[in-house]
Amino acid sequence: MENYIITSDNMTDLPEEFIQQQHLNLMSLTYMIDGGTYDEEHPLSSKDFYAKMRAGSMPTTSQINPEEAKEKLAKYLQISRNIIHIAFSSGLSGTYSSVSIAARELMEEQPGCRITVVDSLCASMGEGLFVYKALELQKQGMEYDALVDWLEKYKLNVCHNFTVDDLFHLYRGGRVSKTAAVLGTMINLKPVLHVDEAGHLVAVQKVRGRKKSLSALVDAMEKQIGSWKDKNDIVFISHGDCPEDAEYVKEQVEKRLGIHQFMISPVGPTIGAHSGPGTLALFYMGDVR
């Protein structure tokens, strides 16, 4: 079998234990908060990060630039001359473009190596689920080209649905207007959002109250899952320091769809900087996003 490795970035929000078990190499987008700069090598715990946000701190983030991507890919080439890199959605960041530039340069400089950069059009544990599926197929013996074909064919079947607890974080990120944030907060409106087929973050509905917004995520899953209902061996849930809400959504999925295997993990700081504490997201394979 052709030797190759799968790499990605820290926007997958995968648990550290899983990353270590899989020997998964991840590029790191950085974030800044209270004058400090953090990344995967110099992390801030999610608990501390969200505590700072709840206290009023406003984090910022930065994408991977081509030079950083080239340095990382060059290290990965020492592990294997064949790399499939699954990148954060081009609809949300320029990171995919940076890694693509770096890959082209390295393949010109080092003839014989192969680097395929896949635009996941996914975010957070949606990207994490996509990476998980790729790793599983690699273990089953799928060859390099076949896996690239599979990723391109099925990436739009990775469904993302999430809600946030505080509209003002979406306002800061330009996702809702200030008026919508103020009025929505006054009447306890909670948006339900998803990542669309262009990899963009868009609102799909608004419901009144937190519990209804959590149930709306499972409602959307019932509509979207279609022919994948019996093929979802695992469902991913990420949360912005609200584990009780993650457990509630898990129980709803178990009850309504009969799926019993889950991976639950905090929303990492780089995504959490834009969605805020109280974010709850549900990821699975479905017929349509």
Protein backbone atom coordinates (compact mmCIF):
# COMPACT_ATOMS: atom_id res chain seq x y z
CA MET A 1 0.00 0.00 0.00
CA GLU A 2 1.18 3.50 -0.84
CA ASN A 3 2.55 5.28 2.21
CA TYR A 4 0.96 8.64 3.00
CA ILE A 5 -0.07 10.76 5.98
CA ILE A 6 -3.15 12.86 6.65
CA THR A 7 -2.64 16.30 8.16
CA SER A 8 -4.98 19.15 9.06
CA ASP A 9 -5.20 22.20 11.34
CA ASN A 10 -6.35 23.01 14.85
CA MET A 11 -9.74 24.24 13.62
CA THR A 12 -10.88 20.60 13.79
CA ASP A 13 -11.42 21.04 17.56
CA LEU A 14 -10.60 17.35 18.06
CA PRO A 15 -9.79 16.20 21.61
CA GLU A 16 -6.08 16.17 22.44
CA GLU A 17 -6.25 12.50 23.42
CA PHE A 18 -7.57 11.57 19.96
CA ILE A 19 -4.91 13.70 18.25
CA GLN A 20 -2.17 11.95 20.21
CA GLN A 21 -3.60 8.47 19.60
CA GLN A 22 -3.78 9.07 15.86
CA HIS A 23 -0.36 10.80 15.67
CA LEU A 24 -2.21 13.52 13.79
CA ASN A 25 -0.14 16.52 12.69
CA LEU A 26 -2.03 19.82 12.88
CA MET A 27 -1.08 23.29 11.74
CA SER A 28 -2.04 25.95 14.25
CA LEU A 29 -3.98 29.17 13.76
CA THR A 30 -3.13 31.60 16.55
CA TYR A 31 -5.35 33.70 18.81
CA MET A 32 -4.70 36.71 20.98
CA ILE A 33 -6.43 37.65 24.23
CA ASP A 34 -5.49 40.04 27.07
CA GLY A 35 -2.15 40.82 25.42
CA GLY A 36 -1.11 37.15 25.12
CA THR A 37 -0.64 35.16 21.92
CA TYR A 38 -1.51 31.48 21.97
CA ASP A 39 -1.41 28.44 19.69
CA GLU A 40 -1.20 24.66 19.96
CA GLU A 41 2.35 24.82 21.32
CA HIS A 42 1.48 27.59 23.79
CA PRO A 43 -2.19 26.92 24.63
CA LEU A 44 -4.68 28.45 27.00
CA SER A 45 -7.18 25.97 28.42
CA SER A 46 -10.69 26.28 27.05
CA LYS A 47 -11.97 26.89 30.59
CA ASP A 48 -9.60 29.82 31.08
CA PHE A 49 -10.29 31.14 27.59
CA TYR A 50 -14.06 31.22 28.04
CA ALA A 51 -13.71 32.63 31.56
CA LYS A 52 -11.81 35.55 30.04
CA MET A 53 -14.51 36.03 27.40
CA ARG A 54 -17.26 35.97 30.03
CA ALA A 55 -15.30 38.61 31.95
CA GLY A 56 -15.35 40.86 28.89
CA SER A 57 -12.08 40.09 27.10
CA MET A 58 -12.30 40.26 23.29
CA PRO A 59 -9.99 37.80 21.51
CA THR A 60 -8.72 38.10 17.95
CA THR A 61 -7.39 35.42 15.60
CA SER A 62 -4.97 35.13 12.70
CA GLN A 63 -4.80 32.65 9.83
CA ILE A 64 -1.81 30.56 8.77
CA ASN A 65 0.34 32.41 6.24
CA PRO A 66 2.15 30.70 3.32
CA GLU A 67 5.54 30.83 5.05
CA GLU A 68 4.24 29.14 8.19
CA ALA A 69 2.40 26.54 6.10
CA LYS A 70 5.54 25.80 4.08
CA GLU A 71 7.60 25.30 7.22
CA LYS A 72 5.03 22.86 8.63
CA LEU A 73 4.61 20.92 5.38
CA ALA A 74 8.39 20.60 5.02
CA LYS A 75 8.48 18.91 8.45
CA TYR A 76 5.62 16.59 7.47
CA LEU A 77 7.53 15.58 4.33
CA GLN A 78 10.20 14.15 6.63
CA ILE A 79 7.54 11.71 7.87
CA SER A 80 6.13 10.83 4.45
CA ARG A 81 6.68 12.04 0.88
CA ASN A 82 2.92 11.83 0.30
CA ILE A 83 0.54 14.13 2.20
CA ILE A 84 -3.20 14.69 2.12
CA HIS A 85 -3.88 17.93 3.97
CA ILE A 86 -7.47 18.67 4.98
CA ALA A 87 -7.86 22.43 5.39
CA PHE A 88 -10.27 24.71 7.23
CA SER A 89 -13.08 26.05 5.01
CA SER A 90 -11.98 28.58 2.38
CA GLY A 91 -15.32 30.30 3.01
CA LEU A 92 -14.19 31.26 6.52
CA SER A 93 -10.41 31.73 6.28
CA GLY A 94 -7.53 32.23 3.87
CA THR A 95 -5.70 29.28 5.43
CA TYR A 96 -6.61 26.90 2.58
CA SER A 97 -5.08 29.34 0.09
CA SER A 98 -1.90 29.68 2.18
CA VAL A 99 -1.39 25.93 2.44
CA SER A 100 -2.08 25.49 -1.29
CA ILE A 101 0.60 28.05 -2.16
CA ALA A 102 3.06 26.34 0.19
CA ALA A 103 2.28 22.91 -1.27
CA ARG A 104 2.88 24.06 -4.86
CA GLU A 105 6.22 25.60 -3.91
CA LEU A 106 7.42 22.50 -2.08
CA MET A 107 6.43 20.15 -4.92
CA GLU A 108 8.44 22.34 -7.31
CA GLU A 109 11.44 22.38 -4.96
CA GLN A 110 11.25 18.70 -4.02
CA PRO A 111 10.32 16.65 -7.11
CA GLY A 112 8.77 13.32 -6.23
CA CYS A 113 6.72 14.47 -3.26
CA ARG A 114 2.93 14.69 -3.42
CA ILE A 115 0.83 17.14 -1.41
CA THR A 116 -2.89 17.35 -2.02
CA VAL A 117 -4.69 20.15 -0.18
CA VAL A 118 -8.41 19.49 0.23
CA ASP A 119 -10.69 22.44 0.96
CA SER A 120 -12.95 20.81 3.54
CA LEU A 121 -15.61 23.54 3.38
CA CYS A 122 -16.02 22.52 7.04
CA ALA A 123 -15.41 24.12 10.42
CA SER A 124 -14.82 23.07 14.02
CA MET A 125 -15.72 19.44 14.65
CA GLY A 126 -17.33 19.30 11.21
CA GLU A 127 -13.80 19.46 9.91
CA GLY A 128 -12.88 17.11 12.74
CA LEU A 129 -15.48 14.58 11.57
CA PHE A 130 -14.16 14.87 8.02
CA VAL A 131 -10.62 14.17 9.25
CA TYR A 132 -11.91 11.28 11.40
CA LYS A 133 -13.56 9.69 8.35
CA ALA A 134 -10.34 10.09 6.33
CA LEU A 135 -8.27 8.42 9.05
CA GLU A 136 -10.73 5.53 9.25
CA LEU A 137 -10.63 4.98 5.48
CA GLN A 138 -6.83 5.11 5.53
CA LYS A 139 -6.78 2.40 8.23
CA GLN A 140 -9.07 0.28 6.04
CA GLY A 141 -6.44 0.43 3.29
CA MET A 142 -7.83 3.09 0.97
CA GLU A 143 -5.15 4.33 -1.43
CA TYR A 144 -4.08 7.97 -1.74
CA ASP A 145 -5.97 8.86 -4.93
CA ALA A 146 -9.10 6.99 -3.86
CA LEU A 147 -9.17 8.84 -0.56
CA VAL A 148 -8.75 12.22 -2.25
CA ASP A 149 -11.66 11.32 -4.55
CA TRP A 150 -13.78 10.27 -1.55
CA LEU A 151 -13.06 13.51 0.29
CA GLU A 152 -14.00 15.64 -2.70
CA LYS A 153 -17.15 13.60 -3.33
CA TYR A 154 -18.51 13.59 0.21
CA LYS A 155 -17.35 16.82 1.87
CA LEU A 156 -20.71 18.50 1.29
CA ASN A 157 -22.37 15.62 3.15
CA VAL A 158 -20.74 16.78 6.39
CA CYS A 159 -23.58 18.66 8.10
CA HIS A 160 -23.01 21.46 10.60
CA ASN A 161 -25.75 22.91 12.77
CA PHE A 162 -25.14 25.12 15.77
CA THR A 163 -26.55 27.79 18.01
CA VAL A 164 -25.00 30.49 20.17
CA ASP A 165 -26.02 31.88 23.53
CA ASP A 166 -24.81 35.47 23.03
CA LEU A 167 -25.66 37.31 19.81
CA PHE A 168 -23.08 40.01 20.44
CA HIS A 169 -20.21 37.69 19.52
CA LEU A 170 -21.86 37.14 16.12
CA TYR A 171 -22.31 40.90 15.82
CA ARG A 172 -18.58 41.45 16.42
CA GLY A 173 -17.83 38.95 13.67
CA GLY A 174 -20.19 40.67 11.25
CA ARG A 175 -22.71 37.79 11.21
CA VAL A 176 -25.64 39.84 12.55
CA SER A 177 -26.35 43.56 12.79
CA LYS A 178 -26.12 45.47 16.06
CA THR A 179 -29.87 46.07 15.94
CA ALA A 180 -30.53 42.33 15.52
CA ALA A 181 -28.19 41.55 18.42
CA VAL A 182 -29.87 44.07 20.74
CA LEU A 183 -33.45 43.16 19.83
CA GLY A 184 -32.72 39.43 19.77
CA THR A 185 -31.19 39.58 23.23
CA MET A 186 -34.19 41.53 24.57
CA ILE A 187 -36.69 38.88 23.44
CA ASN A 188 -34.39 35.88 24.03
CA LEU A 189 -34.05 34.93 20.35
CA LYS A 190 -31.45 32.27 19.62
CA PRO A 191 -30.17 31.81 16.07
CA VAL A 192 -29.65 28.41 14.48
CA LEU A 193 -26.83 28.53 11.96
CA HIS A 194 -25.04 26.16 9.63
CA VAL A 195 -22.08 26.03 7.26
CA ASP A 196 -23.45 26.12 3.72
CA GLU A 197 -22.17 24.48 0.52
CA ALA A 198 -19.77 27.37 -0.10
CA GLY A 199 -18.29 26.86 3.36
CA HIS A 200 -19.83 30.07 4.69
CA LEU A 201 -21.49 30.53 8.06
CA VAL A 202 -25.16 31.46 7.60
CA ALA A 203 -28.24 31.74 9.81
CA VAL A 204 -31.11 29.43 8.90
CA GLN A 205 -33.70 30.21 11.59
CA LYS A 206 -34.35 31.90 14.92
CA VAL A 207 -36.14 30.36 17.86
CA ARG A 208 -37.08 31.76 21.25
CA GLY A 209 -35.27 30.22 24.20
CA ARG A 210 -32.16 28.12 24.73
CA LYS A 211 -33.80 24.69 25.02
CA LYS A 212 -35.75 25.24 21.79
CA SER A 213 -32.57 26.20 19.99
CA LEU A 214 -30.86 23.01 21.16
CA SER A 215 -33.81 20.90 20.05
CA ALA A 216 -33.79 22.72 16.70
CA LEU A 217 -30.32 21.28 16.03
CA VAL A 218 -31.71 17.75 16.30
CA ASP A 219 -34.78 18.74 14.26
CA ALA A 220 -32.43 19.80 11.45
CA MET A 221 -30.52 16.54 11.77
CA GLU A 222 -33.72 14.52 11.30
CA LYS A 223 -34.42 16.44 8.09
CA GLN A 224 -30.89 16.31 6.65
CA ILE A 225 -29.64 12.85 7.55
CA GLY A 226 -31.68 10.99 4.91
CA SER A 227 -29.94 7.92 3.48
CA TRP A 228 -27.06 8.36 5.94
CA LYS A 229 -29.19 7.47 8.98
CA ASP A 230 -27.84 3.94 9.27
CA LYS A 231 -24.34 4.91 8.09
CA ASN A 232 -23.55 7.41 10.85
CA ASP A 233 -21.39 5.28 13.12
CA ILE A 234 -20.51 8.36 15.20
CA VAL A 235 -21.81 11.89 15.79
CA PHE A 236 -19.65 14.83 16.90
CA ILE A 237 -20.75 17.56 19.32
CA SER A 238 -18.73 20.64 20.27
CA HIS A 239 -19.55 23.20 22.93
CA GLY A 240 -18.35 26.56 24.21
CA ASP A 241 -17.90 25.57 27.85
CA CYS A 242 -21.45 24.26 28.25
CA PRO A 243 -21.04 20.48 28.71
CA GLU A 244 -24.55 20.05 30.19
CA ASP A 245 -26.08 21.35 26.96
CA ALA A 246 -23.87 19.01 24.94
CA GLU A 247 -25.17 16.11 27.03
CA TYR A 248 -28.77 17.24 26.45
CA VAL A 249 -28.27 17.26 22.66
CA LYS A 250 -26.55 13.86 22.83
CA GLU A 251 -29.54 12.41 24.68
CA GLN A 252 -31.93 13.89 22.11
CA VAL A 253 -29.96 12.34 19.23
CA GLU A 254 -29.92 8.96 20.98
CA LYS A 255 -33.63 9.10 21.66
CA ARG A 256 -34.75 10.37 18.26
CA LEU A 257 -32.25 8.77 15.89
CA GLY A 258 -30.93 5.74 17.73
CA ILE A 259 -27.25 6.73 17.41
CA HIS A 260 -25.16 5.91 20.47
CA GLN A 261 -21.54 6.73 19.65
CA PHE A 262 -20.38 10.31 20.12
CA MET A 263 -17.26 12.40 20.31
CA ILE A 264 -17.78 15.51 22.44
CA SER A 265 -15.17 18.25 22.76
CA PRO A 266 -14.95 21.98 23.57
CA VAL A 267 -15.03 24.50 20.74
CA GLY A 268 -11.40 25.60 20.50
CA PRO A 269 -10.39 29.21 21.17
CA THR A 270 -9.77 30.07 17.51
CA ILE A 271 -13.39 29.30 16.59
CA GLY A 272 -14.73 30.23 20.03
CA ALA A 273 -13.32 33.73 19.63
CA HIS A 274 -16.08 34.34 17.07
CA SER A 275 -18.93 32.26 18.52
CA GLY A 276 -18.42 32.85 22.24
CA PRO A 277 -19.30 30.92 25.41
CA GLY A 278 -22.46 28.86 25.19
CA THR A 279 -21.98 27.77 21.59
CA LEU A 280 -23.38 24.30 20.89
CA ALA A 281 -22.77 22.50 17.59
CA LEU A 282 -23.87 19.17 16.12
CA PHE A 283 -22.05 17.39 13.25
CA TYR A 284 -22.96 14.29 11.25
CA MET A 285 -23.17 12.91 7.72
CA GLY A 286 -26.36 13.67 5.81
CA ASP A 287 -27.87 13.89 2.33
CA VAL A 288 -27.84 17.72 2.30
CA ARG A 289 -26.28 20.44 4.39
